[in-house]
C-alpha atoms as a PDB file:
ATOM      1  CA  MET A   1      -0.150 -16.780   6.774  1.00  0.00           C
ATOM      2  CA  GLY A   2      -1.119 -19.924   8.628  1.00  0.00           C
ATOM      3  CA  LEU A   3      -0.952 -18.190  12.374  1.00  0.00           C
ATOM      4  CA  TRP A   4      -2.590 -14.769  10.746  1.00  0.00           C
ATOM      5  CA  ASN A   5      -4.972 -17.020   9.257  1.00  0.00           C
ATOM      6  CA  LEU A   6      -5.338 -19.403  12.403  1.00  0.00           C
ATOM      7  CA  ALA A   7      -5.852 -15.888  14.352  1.00  0.00           C
ATOM      8  CA  THR A   8      -8.538 -14.529  12.132  1.00  0.00           C
ATOM      9  CA  ASP A   9     -10.585 -17.770  12.798  1.00  0.00           C
ATOM     10  CA  VAL A  10     -10.053 -18.049  16.457  1.00  0.00           C
ATOM     11  CA  ALA A  11     -11.204 -14.367  16.278  1.00  0.00           C
ATOM     12  CA  TYR A  12     -14.168 -14.818  14.462  1.00  0.00           C
ATOM     13  CA  SER A  13     -15.423 -18.213  16.506  1.00  0.00           C
ATOM     14  CA  THR A  14     -14.642 -16.556  20.113  1.00  0.00           C
ATOM     15  CA  GLY A  15     -15.854 -12.614  19.747  1.00  0.00           C
ATOM     16  CA  GLN A  16     -12.423 -11.263  20.005  1.00  0.00           C
ATOM     17  CA  PRO A  17     -11.570  -7.876  18.221  1.00  0.00           C
ATOM     18  CA  TRP A  18      -9.067  -8.624  15.733  1.00  0.00           C
ATOM     19  CA  ASN A  19      -7.991  -5.824  13.537  1.00  0.00           C
ATOM     20  CA  ASP A  20      -5.902  -7.337  10.765  1.00  0.00           C
ATOM     21  CA  ARG A  21      -6.397  -5.260   8.075  1.00  0.00           C
ATOM     22  CA  GLY A  22      -5.389  -1.557   6.728  1.00  0.00           C
ATOM     23  CA  ARG A  23      -3.570  -0.583   3.379  1.00  0.00           C
ATOM     24  CA  LEU A  24       0.273  -1.579   5.151  1.00  0.00           C
ATOM     25  CA  ARG A  25      -1.446  -4.891   6.240  1.00  0.00           C
ATOM     26  CA  ASN A  26      -3.183  -5.715   3.153  1.00  0.00           C
ATOM     27  CA  GLN A  27       0.225  -5.398   1.769  1.00  0.00           C
ATOM     28  CA  CYS A  28       1.781  -7.937   3.608  1.00  0.00           C
ATOM     29  CA  TYR A  29      -0.882 -10.135   3.902  1.00  0.00           C
ATOM     30  CA  ASP A  30      -0.921  -9.848  -0.274  1.00  0.00           C
ATOM     31  CA  LYS A  31       2.704 -10.848  -0.576  1.00  0.00           C
ATOM     32  CA  LEU A  32       2.345 -13.713   1.816  1.00  0.00           C
ATOM     33  CA  PHE A  33      -0.625 -15.132  -0.047  1.00  0.00           C
ATOM     34  CA  ALA A  34       1.662 -14.552  -3.517  1.00  0.00           C
ATOM     35  CA  ALA A  35       4.675 -16.317  -1.940  1.00  0.00           C
ATOM     36  CA  ALA A  36       2.092 -19.177  -1.047  1.00  0.00           C
ATOM     37  CA  VAL A  37       0.186 -19.551  -4.373  1.00  0.00           C
ATOM     38  CA  PRO A  38       2.287 -17.615  -7.052  1.00  0.00           C
ATOM     39  CA  TRP A  39       0.312 -19.553  -9.760  1.00  0.00           C
ATOM     40  CA  VAL A  40      -2.905 -17.288  -8.779  1.00  0.00           C
ATOM     41  CA  TYR A  41      -0.772 -14.220  -9.893  1.00  0.00           C
ATOM     42  CA  GLY A  42       0.604 -16.356 -13.104  1.00  0.00           C
ATOM     43  CA  GLN A  43       3.869 -16.732 -12.076  1.00  0.00           C
ATOM     44  CA  GLU A  44       5.978 -20.251 -10.978  1.00  0.00           C
ATOM     45  CA  SER A  45       7.186 -18.695  -7.640  1.00  0.00           C
ATOM     46  CA  TYR A  46       7.412 -15.009  -6.038  1.00  0.00           C
ATOM     47  CA  ARG A  47       9.732 -13.953  -3.549  1.00  0.00           C
ATOM     48  CA  PRO A  48       8.708 -10.922  -1.782  1.00  0.00           C
ATOM     49  CA  ILE A  49      10.862  -8.130  -0.613  1.00  0.00           C
ATOM     50  CA  TRP A  50       9.767  -5.954   2.465  1.00  0.00           C
ATOM     51  CA  SER A  51      10.043  -2.757   3.206  1.00  0.00           C
ATOM     52  CA  PRO A  52      11.263  -1.800   7.062  1.00  0.00           C
ATOM     53  CA  ARG A  53       7.664  -0.687   7.311  1.00  0.00           C
ATOM     54  CA  GLN A  54       6.430  -3.902   6.038  1.00  0.00           C
ATOM     55  CA  LEU A  55       8.160  -5.772   8.282  1.00  0.00           C
ATOM     56  CA  SER A  56       7.082  -3.684  11.751  1.00  0.00           C
ATOM     57  CA  ALA A  57       3.501  -4.002  10.386  1.00  0.00           C
ATOM     58  CA  MET A  58       4.058  -7.971   9.908  1.00  0.00           C
ATOM     59  CA  ARG A  59       5.513  -8.471  13.252  1.00  0.00           C
ATOM     60  CA  ALA A  60       2.943  -6.052  14.993  1.00  0.00           C
ATOM     61  CA  THR A  61       0.288  -8.439  13.565  1.00  0.00           C
ATOM     62  CA  LEU A  62       1.755 -11.646  14.097  1.00  0.00           C
ATOM     63  CA  GLY A  63       2.146 -10.670  17.633  1.00  0.00           C
ATOM     64  CA  GLN A  64      -1.220  -9.804  18.225  1.00  0.00           C
ATOM     65  CA  ALA A  65      -2.031 -13.084  16.518  1.00  0.00           C
ATOM     66  CA  VAL A  66       0.048 -15.148  19.121  1.00  0.00           C
ATOM     67  CA  HIS A  67      -1.645 -13.127  21.958  1.00  0.00           C
ATOM     68  CA  LEU A  68      -5.384 -13.842  20.511  1.00  0.00           C
ATOM     69  CA  LEU A  69      -4.765 -17.354  20.011  1.00  0.00           C
ATOM     70  CA  ARG A  70      -3.536 -17.562  23.903  1.00  0.00           C
ATOM     71  CA  VAL A  71      -6.522 -15.719  24.784  1.00  0.00           C
ATOM     72  CA  GLY A  72      -8.735 -17.405  22.940  1.00  0.00           C
ATOM     73  CA  ILE A  73      -7.541 -20.694  23.492  1.00  0.00           C
ATOM     74  CA  ALA A  74      -7.098 -20.853  27.182  1.00  0.00           C
END
């Protein structure tokens, strides 16, 4: 979640395009958020279960995040 959020901040501050939203990516982000702060959802802990599609979307998003940071910070 940290990498995802950092990429969002860098994209906004540098004007780079960053397509980190959509139905599937939102599901992934929500799971990461719930795992980081489960008490927001009234739980003591949360352990996400990832579908193959979600894992693929997560890998793609994080790969794009790394690229965005390399370009934005260079």
